[in-house]
Amino acid sequence: MAHPVFRLEAHFAGRVQGVGFRYSARQIAQGFTVTGQVRNLPDGRVHLVAEGQETEVREFLREIQAQMQQYIKETTTETLTGPAQFRDFHIG
C-alpha cells in the first residue's frame, strides 16, 4: 500500500489565462520535487494540484505566487493527504 503524500490544491483568480501561467508553473515545478498538474478552468481561473513533501509543495506554491503575482488577484488553497495521484508535473 502506498504511503500518503501531502497534496495542495490551489485556485488562482485574476488575469491568469492567456499569460503563460500554466507553462510557467510547469517550468517552476522542474526546480522542485513535486508532481501534479495545472489546468485552465471554464470560469477563467487556473487550478493547480501539487503533491510531495509538505515543505517542498509549499515552497513551490510560494514561487509561483512570486513569479506570477502581477496576474493573480486571489489564491484559494486546500490541503489534503492521500495516495499519490501523479507521476510528474504536467499541464492538464
N, C-alpha and C. Protein backbone atom coordinates (compact mmCIF):
# COMPACT_ATOMS: atom_id res chain seq x y z
N MET A 1 0.84 -1.19 0.00
CA MET A 1 0.00 0.00 0.00
C MET A 1 0.89 1.25 0.00
N ALA A 2 0.54 2.20 -0.85
CA ALA A 2 1.34 3.42 -0.96
C ALA A 2 1.13 4.29 0.27
N HIS A 3 2.20 4.91 0.73
CA HIS A 3 2.06 5.80 1.87
C HIS A 3 1.49 7.14 1.40
N PRO A 4 0.73 7.80 2.27
CA PRO A 4 0.08 9.04 1.87
C PRO A 4 1.07 10.16 1.60
N VAL A 5 0.71 11.04 0.69
CA VAL A 5 1.53 12.20 0.38
C VAL A 5 0.73 13.46 0.70
N PHE A 6 1.44 14.55 0.87
CA PHE A 6 0.81 15.85 1.08
C PHE A 6 0.34 16.35 -0.28
N ARG A 7 -0.88 16.83 -0.35
CA ARG A 7 -1.43 17.37 -1.61
C ARG A 7 -2.02 18.74 -1.34
N LEU A 8 -1.67 19.68 -2.19
CA LEU A 8 -2.23 21.02 -2.10
C LEU A 8 -2.96 21.32 -3.39
N GLU A 9 -4.19 21.79 -3.27
CA GLU A 9 -4.96 22.24 -4.44
C GLU A 9 -5.10 23.74 -4.33
N ALA A 10 -4.81 24.43 -5.41
CA ALA A 10 -4.91 25.89 -5.41
C ALA A 10 -5.74 26.34 -6.61
N HIS A 11 -6.54 27.37 -6.38
CA HIS A 11 -7.27 28.04 -7.46
C HIS A 11 -6.76 29.47 -7.52
N PHE A 12 -6.30 29.86 -8.70
CA PHE A 12 -5.80 31.21 -8.91
C PHE A 12 -6.81 31.98 -9.74
N ALA A 13 -7.19 33.17 -9.26
CA ALA A 13 -8.12 34.03 -9.99
C ALA A 13 -7.40 35.32 -10.34
N GLY A 14 -7.86 35.97 -11.37
CA GLY A 14 -7.26 37.20 -11.85
C GLY A 14 -7.09 37.09 -13.36
N ARG A 15 -6.02 37.68 -13.89
CA ARG A 15 -5.74 37.55 -15.32
C ARG A 15 -4.73 36.40 -15.47
N VAL A 16 -5.21 35.19 -15.26
CA VAL A 16 -4.32 34.04 -15.17
C VAL A 16 -4.40 33.11 -16.38
N GLN A 17 -5.30 33.40 -17.31
CA GLN A 17 -5.34 32.60 -18.53
C GLN A 17 -4.84 33.45 -19.69
N GLY A 18 -4.12 32.81 -20.61
CA GLY A 18 -3.59 33.53 -21.76
C GLY A 18 -2.34 34.34 -21.47
N VAL A 19 -1.70 34.09 -20.32
CA VAL A 19 -0.50 34.84 -19.95
C VAL A 19 0.70 33.90 -19.71
N GLY A 20 0.57 32.63 -20.10
CA GLY A 20 1.66 31.67 -19.90
C GLY A 20 1.72 31.11 -18.49
N PHE A 21 0.63 31.24 -17.75
CA PHE A 21 0.61 30.81 -16.35
C PHE A 21 0.92 29.32 -16.22
N ARG A 22 0.23 28.49 -17.01
CA ARG A 22 0.43 27.04 -16.89
C ARG A 22 1.85 26.64 -17.28
N TYR A 23 2.37 27.26 -18.32
CA TYR A 23 3.73 26.93 -18.76
C TYR A 23 4.76 27.37 -17.73
N SER A 24 4.52 28.53 -17.12
CA SER A 24 5.41 29.00 -16.05
C SER A 24 5.37 28.04 -14.87
N ALA A 25 4.16 27.60 -14.49
CA ALA A 25 4.03 26.67 -13.36
C ALA A 25 4.79 25.38 -13.65
N ARG A 26 4.71 24.89 -14.88
CA ARG A 26 5.41 23.66 -15.23
C ARG A 26 6.93 23.88 -15.17
N GLN A 27 7.38 25.03 -15.64
CA GLN A 27 8.82 25.34 -15.58
C GLN A 27 9.29 25.43 -14.13
N ILE A 28 8.52 26.12 -13.30
CA ILE A 28 8.87 26.27 -11.89
C ILE A 28 8.92 24.90 -11.21
N ALA A 29 7.98 24.03 -11.57
CA ALA A 29 7.91 22.70 -10.95
C ALA A 29 9.19 21.90 -11.16
N GLN A 30 9.90 22.18 -12.26
CA GLN A 30 11.13 21.43 -12.54
C GLN A 30 12.21 21.71 -11.50
N GLY A 31 12.08 22.81 -10.76
CA GLY A 31 13.05 23.13 -9.73
C GLY A 31 12.67 22.56 -8.36
N PHE A 32 11.57 21.83 -8.29
CA PHE A 32 11.09 21.29 -7.03
C PHE A 32 10.79 19.80 -7.18
N THR A 33 10.78 19.09 -6.07
CA THR A 33 10.42 17.68 -6.09
C THR A 33 8.91 17.58 -5.84
N VAL A 34 8.14 17.90 -6.89
CA VAL A 34 6.69 17.86 -6.80
C VAL A 34 6.12 17.18 -8.04
N THR A 35 4.93 16.62 -7.88
CA THR A 35 4.17 16.10 -9.01
C THR A 35 2.81 16.77 -8.97
N GLY A 36 2.07 16.67 -10.07
CA GLY A 36 0.73 17.25 -10.10
C GLY A 36 0.38 17.75 -11.47
N GLN A 37 -0.57 18.68 -11.51
CA GLN A 37 -0.97 19.26 -12.79
C GLN A 37 -1.51 20.65 -12.60
N VAL A 38 -1.53 21.40 -13.69
CA VAL A 38 -2.10 22.74 -13.72
C VAL A 38 -2.98 22.82 -14.96
N ARG A 39 -4.18 23.40 -14.80
CA ARG A 39 -5.09 23.47 -15.93
C ARG A 39 -5.98 24.69 -15.82
N ASN A 40 -6.45 25.16 -16.98
CA ASN A 40 -7.40 26.26 -17.02
C ASN A 40 -8.79 25.73 -16.70
N LEU A 41 -9.59 26.55 -16.05
CA LEU A 41 -10.98 26.22 -15.78
C LEU A 41 -11.89 27.09 -16.65
N PRO A 42 -13.08 26.59 -16.96
CA PRO A 42 -14.01 27.36 -17.81
C PRO A 42 -14.38 28.72 -17.23
N ASP A 43 -14.30 28.89 -15.91
CA ASP A 43 -14.69 30.16 -15.30
C ASP A 43 -13.56 31.20 -15.30
N GLY A 44 -12.43 30.89 -15.95
CA GLY A 44 -11.34 31.85 -16.05
C GLY A 44 -10.25 31.69 -15.01
N ARG A 45 -10.45 30.79 -14.05
CA ARG A 45 -9.42 30.54 -13.04
C ARG A 45 -8.45 29.47 -13.53
N VAL A 46 -7.35 29.32 -12.81
CA VAL A 46 -6.40 28.24 -13.04
C VAL A 46 -6.42 27.35 -11.81
N HIS A 47 -6.48 26.04 -12.04
CA HIS A 47 -6.49 25.05 -10.96
C HIS A 47 -5.16 24.33 -10.96
N LEU A 48 -4.52 24.26 -9.80
CA LEU A 48 -3.24 23.59 -9.66
C LEU A 48 -3.33 22.56 -8.55
N VAL A 49 -2.79 21.38 -8.80
CA VAL A 49 -2.65 20.35 -7.78
C VAL A 49 -1.18 20.01 -7.70
N ALA A 50 -0.61 20.02 -6.50
CA ALA A 50 0.79 19.65 -6.32
C ALA A 50 0.89 18.66 -5.17
N GLU A 51 1.72 17.64 -5.37
CA GLU A 51 1.93 16.60 -4.37
C GLU A 51 3.41 16.47 -4.07
N GLY A 52 3.71 16.04 -2.84
CA GLY A 52 5.09 15.81 -2.44
C GLY A 52 5.23 16.06 -0.95
N GLN A 53 6.48 16.31 -0.53
CA GLN A 53 6.72 16.69 0.86
C GLN A 53 6.09 18.06 1.11
N GLU A 54 5.48 18.24 2.26
CA GLU A 54 4.75 19.49 2.52
C GLU A 54 5.61 20.73 2.33
N THR A 55 6.83 20.73 2.86
CA THR A 55 7.68 21.92 2.74
C THR A 55 7.99 22.22 1.27
N GLU A 56 8.24 21.18 0.49
CA GLU A 56 8.56 21.35 -0.93
C GLU A 56 7.35 21.91 -1.69
N VAL A 57 6.18 21.36 -1.43
CA VAL A 57 4.95 21.80 -2.10
C VAL A 57 4.66 23.26 -1.76
N ARG A 58 4.79 23.61 -0.49
CA ARG A 58 4.51 24.99 -0.08
C ARG A 58 5.52 25.97 -0.68
N GLU A 59 6.79 25.59 -0.78
CA GLU A 59 7.80 26.44 -1.43
C GLU A 59 7.49 26.61 -2.92
N PHE A 60 7.07 25.54 -3.56
CA PHE A 60 6.68 25.58 -4.97
C PHE A 60 5.54 26.58 -5.17
N LEU A 61 4.52 26.51 -4.32
CA LEU A 61 3.38 27.43 -4.43
C LEU A 61 3.85 28.87 -4.22
N ARG A 62 4.72 29.10 -3.23
CA ARG A 62 5.23 30.45 -2.98
C ARG A 62 5.98 30.99 -4.19
N GLU A 63 6.74 30.13 -4.85
CA GLU A 63 7.50 30.57 -6.02
C GLU A 63 6.57 30.94 -7.18
N ILE A 64 5.52 30.16 -7.39
CA ILE A 64 4.53 30.51 -8.43
C ILE A 64 3.92 31.86 -8.11
N GLN A 65 3.52 32.06 -6.85
CA GLN A 65 2.89 33.32 -6.47
C GLN A 65 3.87 34.49 -6.65
N ALA A 66 5.13 34.27 -6.36
CA ALA A 66 6.13 35.34 -6.51
C ALA A 66 6.33 35.69 -7.98
N GLN A 67 6.45 34.67 -8.83
CA GLN A 67 6.74 34.93 -10.25
C GLN A 67 5.52 35.42 -11.02
N MET A 68 4.33 35.04 -10.59
CA MET A 68 3.12 35.37 -11.35
C MET A 68 2.23 36.38 -10.62
N GLN A 69 2.79 37.07 -9.61
CA GLN A 69 1.97 37.93 -8.76
C GLN A 69 1.23 39.03 -9.50
N GLN A 70 1.80 39.51 -10.63
CA GLN A 70 1.11 40.60 -11.34
C GLN A 70 -0.18 40.13 -11.99
N TYR A 71 -0.37 38.82 -12.14
CA TYR A 71 -1.57 38.28 -12.77
C TYR A 71 -2.59 37.74 -11.76
N ILE A 72 -2.14 37.43 -10.55
CA ILE A 72 -3.00 36.78 -9.56
C ILE A 72 -3.71 37.84 -8.72
N LYS A 73 -5.04 37.76 -8.69
CA LYS A 73 -5.82 38.64 -7.82
C LYS A 73 -6.16 37.92 -6.52
N GLU A 74 -6.42 36.62 -6.61
CA GLU A 74 -6.82 35.86 -5.44
C GLU A 74 -6.35 34.41 -5.58
N THR A 75 -5.88 33.83 -4.47
CA THR A 75 -5.50 32.43 -4.42
C THR A 75 -6.25 31.76 -3.28
N THR A 76 -6.91 30.66 -3.57
CA THR A 76 -7.52 29.85 -2.51
C THR A 76 -6.84 28.49 -2.53
N THR A 77 -6.58 27.95 -1.35
CA THR A 77 -5.90 26.66 -1.28
C THR A 77 -6.63 25.72 -0.33
N GLU A 78 -6.45 24.45 -0.60
CA GLU A 78 -6.96 23.39 0.27
C GLU A 78 -5.88 22.34 0.34
N THR A 79 -5.64 21.81 1.53
CA THR A 79 -4.62 20.76 1.66
C THR A 79 -5.30 19.45 2.02
N LEU A 80 -4.76 18.39 1.47
CA LEU A 80 -5.28 17.04 1.66
C LEU A 80 -4.11 16.09 1.81
N THR A 81 -4.38 14.91 2.30
CA THR A 81 -3.39 13.85 2.35
C THR A 81 -4.03 12.60 1.77
N GLY A 82 -3.29 11.88 0.98
CA GLY A 82 -3.81 10.65 0.39
C GLY A 82 -2.77 10.01 -0.48
N PRO A 83 -3.14 8.94 -1.16
CA PRO A 83 -2.18 8.30 -2.05
C PRO A 83 -1.82 9.21 -3.22
N ALA A 84 -0.59 9.12 -3.68
CA ALA A 84 -0.14 9.94 -4.81
C ALA A 84 -0.99 9.64 -6.04
N GLN A 85 -1.34 10.69 -6.77
CA GLN A 85 -2.15 10.54 -7.98
C GLN A 85 -1.37 10.85 -9.25
N PHE A 86 -0.18 11.43 -9.12
CA PHE A 86 0.56 11.89 -10.30
C PHE A 86 1.99 11.33 -10.28
N ARG A 87 2.55 11.13 -11.48
CA ARG A 87 3.94 10.68 -11.60
C ARG A 87 4.88 11.79 -11.97
N ASP A 88 4.31 12.87 -12.53
CA ASP A 88 5.11 14.01 -12.95
C ASP A 88 4.26 15.27 -12.77
N PHE A 89 4.79 16.41 -13.19
CA PHE A 89 4.01 17.62 -13.16
C PHE A 89 3.73 18.01 -14.60
N HIS A 90 2.46 18.16 -14.94
CA HIS A 90 2.10 18.43 -16.34
C HIS A 90 0.94 19.41 -16.45
N ILE A 91 0.75 19.87 -17.66
CA ILE A 91 -0.38 20.74 -17.96
C ILE A 91 -1.55 19.85 -18.34
N GLY A 92 -2.68 20.06 -17.68
CA GLY A 92 -3.87 19.23 -17.91
C GLY A 92 -4.79 19.82 -18.95
